[in-house]
Amino acid sequence: MKIKPVKGFGTIGVAVSDIAYPFVDAEVQELKKLMRENLVLVMEQVHFTKEQYYEISGLLGTISTHGQKKDKPTQHTTGYLDENNCPLFPGMDKVTAKKTNGKYNSVAPGLSKRLNWHCAEAERDKINGIERPLPEFVGLQGVEFTEGSITQVCQMIDRFEKETPEKQEELRNITMQWAYVEGDDAIVPDIPDELKTAETGHEGDFMDKKQPLVKTAINGKDGLHFSPSQITGIVNGTEQEYTELKDYIMNEYVQPEYIYDHVWKDGDILWMDQHVTIHRRIGTDGSESMPIEQLEKRLLHRIEVHDDYTLKKATNTL
């Protein structure tokens, strides 16, 4: 296995290649260590099958299945199903704008020409009656026709470390209201109204949470837990205070020196933290939207993974 730093993304982020298959425990443990330390882990040109991608995802952590089970039919139709409508890979979704039998069967990002800055904040399935915490990582596997698109990942650790102690303390004392943002700032601003369902994350009170602005990442460093397309205000704050804070974060933190651009090639896998990073999709020409014709061909697989130790600690199952 070969390891090298990625370009951009401040002081963190690595890329690996030449991963052995069948997977070797020593390499799996090294991959888990790299993910925890760097928050972005790129597996370059590994060309795994979907079965291998699902296998390595389960070895790196606990897959968030969203309540799906292999032997039970599901209404969650965005993955691969057998003849009985049971998921073949619980928790793995397709990201594409391609239709099957006249219907979309992919997660929302595949249905929109734009995909704004966001993370995986959403309601979680439960363990022993306790809601799972936000997953540490989301993984994307480039399957076909991915060239021409870029996934940008912005980390909010390095800039936070540059704040004065007084500013850090001010930010630590802020709690944000997370909810679905409508209009031009939404995650998927041009998703058709008929597709706005709980499954795509656009119906009712699917997400209504209060979260601290500053979080400690899995690597032990503090950064901002902020998403401009999923936050509607400051708890007990005014609209003007939120606007000023949002402008400050977007101007100071969302800067090229803290952004990793993953220029996709089929066969790549991108793992990215969800606590102190945000990500979005753009075209290789720098435009913030992509032609629907290209998105109809493009296919990725998406999986959310919880770090095993963190998950057990959060749910009192150690």
Protein backbone atom coordinates (compact mmCIF):
# COMPACT_ATOMS: atom_id res chain seq x y z
CA MET A 1 0.00 0.00 0.00
CA LYS A 2 1.34 3.42 -1.03
CA ILE A 3 0.53 6.59 0.96
CA LYS A 4 0.94 10.25 0.00
CA PRO A 5 -0.57 13.58 1.15
CA VAL A 6 -3.33 15.15 -0.93
CA LYS A 7 -2.89 18.60 -2.42
CA GLY A 8 -4.76 21.31 -0.58
CA PHE A 9 -6.80 20.68 2.56
CA GLY A 10 -4.36 22.39 4.88
CA THR A 11 -2.35 20.08 7.12
CA ILE A 12 -4.53 16.97 6.72
CA GLY A 13 -5.65 14.53 4.02
CA VAL A 14 -3.96 11.49 2.43
CA ALA A 15 -4.30 9.31 -0.64
CA VAL A 16 -3.51 5.60 -0.81
CA SER A 17 -3.14 3.15 -3.66
CA ASP A 18 -2.18 -0.47 -4.28
CA ILE A 19 -4.47 -1.89 -1.57
CA ALA A 20 -4.30 -5.68 -1.38
CA TYR A 21 -7.35 -7.87 -2.03
CA PRO A 22 -8.43 -10.04 -0.29
CA PHE A 23 -8.14 -7.30 2.30
CA VAL A 24 -5.28 -7.72 4.76
CA ASP A 25 -5.95 -6.88 8.40
CA ALA A 26 -2.73 -4.90 8.81
CA GLU A 27 -3.67 -2.68 5.86
CA VAL A 28 -7.24 -2.27 7.11
CA GLN A 29 -5.97 -1.13 10.50
CA GLU A 30 -3.60 1.33 8.80
CA LEU A 31 -6.49 2.68 6.70
CA LYS A 32 -8.61 3.19 9.83
CA LYS A 33 -5.72 5.04 11.47
CA LEU A 34 -5.25 7.25 8.41
CA MET A 35 -8.96 8.10 8.31
CA ARG A 36 -9.02 9.08 11.97
CA GLU A 37 -5.93 11.25 11.71
CA ASN A 38 -6.51 12.96 8.38
CA LEU A 39 -10.30 13.25 7.93
CA VAL A 40 -9.97 12.77 4.17
CA LEU A 41 -8.79 9.44 2.80
CA VAL A 42 -8.63 8.90 -0.95
CA MET A 43 -8.27 5.43 -2.41
CA GLU A 44 -6.90 6.09 -5.85
CA GLN A 45 -7.83 3.84 -8.77
CA VAL A 46 -8.63 0.77 -6.68
CA HIS A 47 -11.46 -0.29 -9.00
CA PHE A 48 -13.31 -2.31 -6.36
CA THR A 49 -16.56 -4.04 -7.23
CA LYS A 50 -19.63 -2.90 -5.31
CA GLU A 51 -19.26 -6.04 -3.20
CA GLN A 52 -15.66 -5.16 -2.35
CA TYR A 53 -16.60 -1.54 -1.61
CA TYR A 54 -19.31 -2.70 0.79
CA GLU A 55 -16.87 -5.15 2.38
CA ILE A 56 -14.14 -2.58 3.02
CA SER A 57 -16.74 -0.12 4.35
CA GLY A 58 -17.78 -2.64 6.97
CA LEU A 59 -14.16 -3.30 7.89
CA LEU A 60 -13.43 0.41 8.38
CA GLY A 61 -16.38 0.91 10.75
CA THR A 62 -20.08 0.24 11.29
CA ILE A 63 -22.20 0.96 8.23
CA SER A 64 -25.22 3.15 8.94
CA THR A 65 -28.02 1.05 7.46
CA HIS A 66 -30.89 3.49 8.13
CA GLY A 67 -32.88 0.58 9.53
CA GLN A 68 -32.48 -1.66 6.49
CA LYS A 69 -31.98 -5.41 6.82
CA LYS A 70 -31.06 -7.87 4.09
CA ASP A 71 -34.01 -10.18 4.77
CA LYS A 72 -36.73 -7.50 5.04
CA PRO A 73 -38.40 -5.56 2.21
CA THR A 74 -37.67 -1.84 2.29
CA GLN A 75 -39.25 1.40 1.14
CA HIS A 76 -35.72 2.79 0.81
CA THR A 77 -35.39 2.26 -2.93
CA THR A 78 -32.15 4.15 -3.57
CA GLY A 79 -29.86 1.11 -3.40
CA TYR A 80 -29.72 -2.38 -4.90
CA LEU A 81 -32.73 -4.62 -4.19
CA ASP A 82 -33.44 -8.30 -4.80
CA GLU A 83 -36.62 -9.70 -6.36
CA ASN A 84 -38.38 -9.42 -2.99
CA ASN A 85 -37.50 -5.73 -2.59
CA CYS A 86 -34.93 -6.53 0.11
CA PRO A 87 -31.67 -4.54 0.13
CA LEU A 88 -28.60 -6.41 -1.08
CA PHE A 89 -26.27 -3.87 0.56
CA PRO A 90 -28.12 -2.20 3.46
CA GLY A 91 -26.97 1.40 3.80
CA MET A 92 -25.38 1.70 0.35
CA ASP A 93 -27.09 4.19 -1.96
CA LYS A 94 -26.72 5.03 -5.63
CA VAL A 95 -25.95 8.62 -6.57
CA THR A 96 -27.16 9.19 -10.12
CA ALA A 97 -29.88 10.99 -12.06
CA LYS A 98 -30.63 7.88 -14.10
CA LYS A 99 -34.21 6.58 -13.96
CA THR A 100 -35.27 2.93 -13.66
CA ASN A 101 -38.71 2.04 -15.02
CA GLY A 102 -39.47 5.73 -15.29
CA LYS A 103 -38.61 6.49 -11.65
CA TYR A 104 -35.60 7.89 -9.82
CA ASN A 105 -33.99 5.38 -7.47
CA SER A 106 -31.05 7.35 -6.15
CA VAL A 107 -30.34 9.69 -3.25
CA ALA A 108 -31.16 13.37 -3.73
CA PRO A 109 -27.72 14.63 -4.83
CA GLY A 110 -28.05 12.59 -8.01
CA LEU A 111 -31.30 14.35 -8.91
CA SER A 112 -30.03 17.92 -8.94
CA LYS A 113 -27.80 19.93 -11.27
CA ARG A 114 -26.44 21.72 -8.18
CA LEU A 115 -25.16 20.31 -4.92
CA ASN A 116 -24.29 22.97 -2.36
CA TRP A 117 -21.95 22.79 0.67
CA HIS A 118 -23.31 20.31 3.24
CA CYS A 119 -22.47 17.35 5.50
CA ALA A 120 -24.38 14.21 6.48
CA GLU A 121 -26.34 15.73 9.39
CA ALA A 122 -29.71 13.93 9.56
CA GLU A 123 -31.83 11.69 11.74
CA ARG A 124 -30.14 8.38 12.55
CA ASP A 125 -31.38 4.86 13.14
CA LYS A 126 -31.13 3.68 16.75
CA ILE A 127 -29.10 1.14 18.73
CA ASN A 128 -30.73 -0.16 21.91
CA GLY A 129 -33.24 2.68 21.67
CA ILE A 130 -30.48 5.32 21.51
CA GLU A 131 -30.13 7.42 18.38
CA ARG A 132 -26.87 6.88 16.58
CA PRO A 133 -24.66 9.96 16.47
CA LEU A 134 -23.71 11.71 13.26
CA PRO A 135 -21.48 9.31 11.27
CA GLU A 136 -17.80 10.15 11.29
CA PHE A 137 -17.36 9.47 7.59
CA VAL A 138 -19.16 9.33 4.28
CA GLY A 139 -17.62 7.28 1.49
CA LEU A 140 -18.19 7.77 -2.24
CA GLN A 141 -17.15 5.22 -4.85
CA GLY A 142 -16.80 6.40 -8.43
CA VAL A 143 -18.35 3.73 -10.63
CA GLU A 144 -18.85 5.13 -14.13
CA PHE A 145 -18.87 8.42 -16.06
CA THR A 146 -17.52 10.30 -13.03
CA GLU A 147 -14.80 12.15 -14.95
CA GLY A 148 -15.76 15.76 -15.45
CA SER A 149 -16.92 16.26 -11.87
CA ILE A 150 -15.17 17.40 -8.71
CA THR A 151 -16.07 16.81 -5.09
CA GLN A 152 -14.73 19.65 -2.96
CA VAL A 153 -14.11 19.05 0.76
CA CYS A 154 -13.51 22.00 3.08
CA GLN A 155 -12.03 21.40 6.55
CA MET A 156 -12.62 23.84 9.42
CA ILE A 157 -9.81 22.85 11.79
CA ASP A 158 -6.77 24.78 10.55
CA ARG A 159 -8.58 28.13 10.40
CA PHE A 160 -10.14 27.62 13.85
CA GLU A 161 -6.66 27.06 15.29
CA LYS A 162 -5.68 30.53 14.00
CA GLU A 163 -8.46 32.26 15.96
CA THR A 164 -7.51 34.17 19.09
CA PRO A 165 -8.34 32.41 22.39
CA GLU A 166 -11.10 34.98 22.91
CA LYS A 167 -12.65 34.30 19.50
CA GLN A 168 -12.40 30.55 20.02
CA GLU A 169 -14.25 30.88 23.32
CA GLU A 170 -16.92 33.03 21.67
CA LEU A 171 -17.47 30.40 18.97
CA ARG A 172 -17.54 27.58 21.53
CA ASN A 173 -20.47 29.27 23.27
CA ILE A 174 -22.65 29.29 20.13
CA THR A 175 -25.30 26.67 19.43
CA MET A 176 -26.75 26.35 15.93
CA GLN A 177 -30.25 25.38 14.79
CA TRP A 178 -30.07 22.70 12.11
CA ALA A 179 -33.04 22.33 9.78
CA TYR A 180 -33.62 22.04 6.05
CA VAL A 181 -32.90 25.26 4.18
CA GLU A 182 -35.14 26.09 1.25
CA GLY A 183 -34.43 28.16 -1.82
CA ASP A 184 -31.13 28.89 -3.51
CA ASP A 185 -29.06 27.94 -0.45
CA ALA A 186 -30.61 24.46 -0.10
CA ILE A 187 -28.42 21.38 -0.50
CA VAL A 188 -30.22 20.55 -3.75
CA PRO A 189 -31.93 23.81 -4.74
CA ASP A 190 -33.46 22.61 -7.99
CA ILE A 191 -34.88 19.26 -6.88
CA PRO A 192 -38.44 18.86 -8.28
CA ASP A 193 -41.24 19.38 -5.76
CA GLU A 194 -42.69 15.93 -6.44
CA LEU A 195 -39.42 14.37 -5.24
CA LYS A 196 -39.29 16.25 -1.91
CA THR A 197 -39.93 13.38 0.48
CA ALA A 198 -38.56 12.24 3.83
CA GLU A 199 -36.40 9.77 1.94
CA THR A 200 -34.69 12.56 0.00
CA GLY A 201 -34.50 14.69 3.13
CA HIS A 202 -37.05 17.32 2.17
CA GLU A 203 -40.27 16.62 4.00
CA GLY A 204 -41.68 17.83 7.32
CA ASP A 205 -39.44 17.86 10.40
CA PHE A 206 -37.08 15.18 9.14
CA MET A 207 -34.23 17.17 10.63
CA ASP A 208 -34.65 19.55 13.56
CA LYS A 209 -31.60 19.61 15.80
CA LYS A 210 -29.54 21.92 17.93
CA GLN A 211 -25.79 21.42 17.59
CA PRO A 212 -22.76 23.20 19.09
CA LEU A 213 -20.85 25.25 16.53
CA VAL A 214 -17.50 23.86 17.69
CA LYS A 215 -16.91 20.11 17.75
CA THR A 216 -13.94 17.90 18.48
CA ALA A 217 -13.14 15.74 15.48
CA ILE A 218 -12.15 12.10 15.72
CA ASN A 219 -8.49 13.15 15.42
CA GLY A 220 -8.84 15.14 18.66
CA LYS A 221 -8.72 18.57 17.03
CA ASP A 222 -11.45 21.21 17.33
CA GLY A 223 -13.15 22.79 14.35
CA LEU A 224 -16.46 24.24 13.24
CA HIS A 225 -19.50 22.04 12.68
CA PHE A 226 -21.21 24.31 10.18
CA SER A 227 -23.18 23.81 6.97
CA PRO A 228 -24.67 26.84 5.17
CA SER A 229 -27.35 24.68 3.51
CA GLN A 230 -28.52 22.95 6.72
CA ILE A 231 -28.49 25.70 9.37
CA THR A 232 -31.28 28.22 9.80
CA GLY A 233 -30.01 30.31 12.70
CA ILE A 234 -28.32 30.69 16.07
CA VAL A 235 -30.23 29.30 19.04
CA ASN A 236 -31.46 32.33 21.02
CA GLY A 237 -29.83 34.61 18.44
CA THR A 238 -31.21 37.13 15.96
CA GLU A 239 -31.41 36.77 12.20
CA GLN A 240 -28.82 39.53 11.83
CA GLU A 241 -26.42 37.77 14.22
CA TYR A 242 -26.71 34.59 12.18
CA THR A 243 -26.18 36.42 8.89
CA GLU A 244 -23.02 38.06 10.25
CA LEU A 245 -21.71 34.73 11.60
CA LYS A 246 -22.46 32.91 8.35
CA ASP A 247 -20.72 35.60 6.30
CA TYR A 248 -17.70 35.43 8.61
CA ILE A 249 -17.40 31.65 8.32
CA MET A 250 -17.89 31.55 4.56
CA ASN A 251 -15.34 34.35 4.02
CA GLU A 252 -12.72 33.13 6.50
CA TYR A 253 -13.04 29.33 6.56
CA VAL A 254 -14.25 28.35 3.09
CA GLN A 255 -11.00 29.27 1.36
CA PRO A 256 -8.85 27.42 -1.23
CA GLU A 257 -6.09 26.68 1.29
CA TYR A 258 -8.53 24.54 3.31
CA ILE A 259 -10.27 22.86 0.36
CA TYR A 260 -9.36 19.55 -1.25
CA ASP A 261 -10.59 19.11 -4.83
CA HIS A 262 -11.15 15.49 -5.72
CA VAL A 263 -11.11 15.32 -9.51
CA TRP A 264 -12.96 12.08 -10.12
CA LYS A 265 -11.81 9.11 -12.12
CA ASP A 266 -13.81 5.91 -12.29
CA GLY A 267 -12.35 3.50 -9.74
CA ASP A 268 -11.65 6.12 -7.04
CA ILE A 269 -13.06 6.06 -3.49
CA LEU A 270 -13.27 9.19 -1.35
CA TRP A 271 -13.76 9.03 2.43
CA MET A 272 -14.49 12.31 4.21
CA ASP A 273 -15.24 13.42 7.75
CA GLN A 274 -18.71 14.80 8.53
CA HIS A 275 -18.05 16.64 11.82
CA VAL A 276 -15.68 19.44 10.88
CA THR A 277 -15.80 19.34 7.07
CA ILE A 278 -18.38 20.18 4.43
CA HIS A 279 -18.44 19.10 0.81
CA ARG A 280 -20.11 19.91 -2.49
CA ARG A 281 -20.06 18.84 -6.14
CA ILE A 282 -18.90 21.07 -9.00
CA GLY A 283 -17.89 20.57 -12.62
CA THR A 284 -14.28 20.47 -13.75
CA ASP A 285 -14.86 23.78 -15.56
CA GLY A 286 -15.45 25.38 -12.14
CA SER A 287 -19.19 25.82 -12.62
CA GLU A 288 -21.42 25.09 -9.62
CA SER A 289 -23.85 23.01 -11.67
CA MET A 290 -23.53 20.09 -14.05
CA PRO A 291 -25.68 19.21 -17.08
CA ILE A 292 -28.44 16.76 -16.22
CA GLU A 293 -27.34 14.71 -19.27
CA GLN A 294 -23.99 14.11 -17.59
CA LEU A 295 -25.58 13.33 -14.22
CA GLU A 296 -27.84 10.76 -15.85
CA LYS A 297 -24.74 8.80 -16.91
CA ARG A 298 -22.70 9.42 -13.74
CA LEU A 299 -22.94 6.76 -11.01
CA LEU A 300 -21.38 6.70 -7.55
CA HIS A 301 -22.06 4.56 -4.50
CA ARG A 302 -22.49 6.30 -1.14
CA ILE A 303 -22.08 4.80 2.36
CA GLU A 304 -22.06 6.36 5.83
CA VAL A 305 -19.68 4.76 8.34
CA HIS A 306 -19.42 5.15 12.12
CA ASP A 307 -16.07 4.70 13.82
CA ASP A 308 -16.64 1.59 15.96
CA TYR A 309 -15.09 2.85 19.19
CA THR A 310 -16.80 6.25 18.99
CA LEU A 311 -20.15 4.63 18.21
CA LYS A 312 -19.93 2.20 21.13
CA LYS A 313 -18.95 4.99 23.48
CA ALA A 314 -21.80 7.24 22.32
CA THR A 315 -24.42 4.50 22.63
CA ASN A 316 -23.13 2.99 25.91
CA THR A 317 -22.35 -0.34 24.23
CA LEU A 318 -18.65 -0.55 25.09
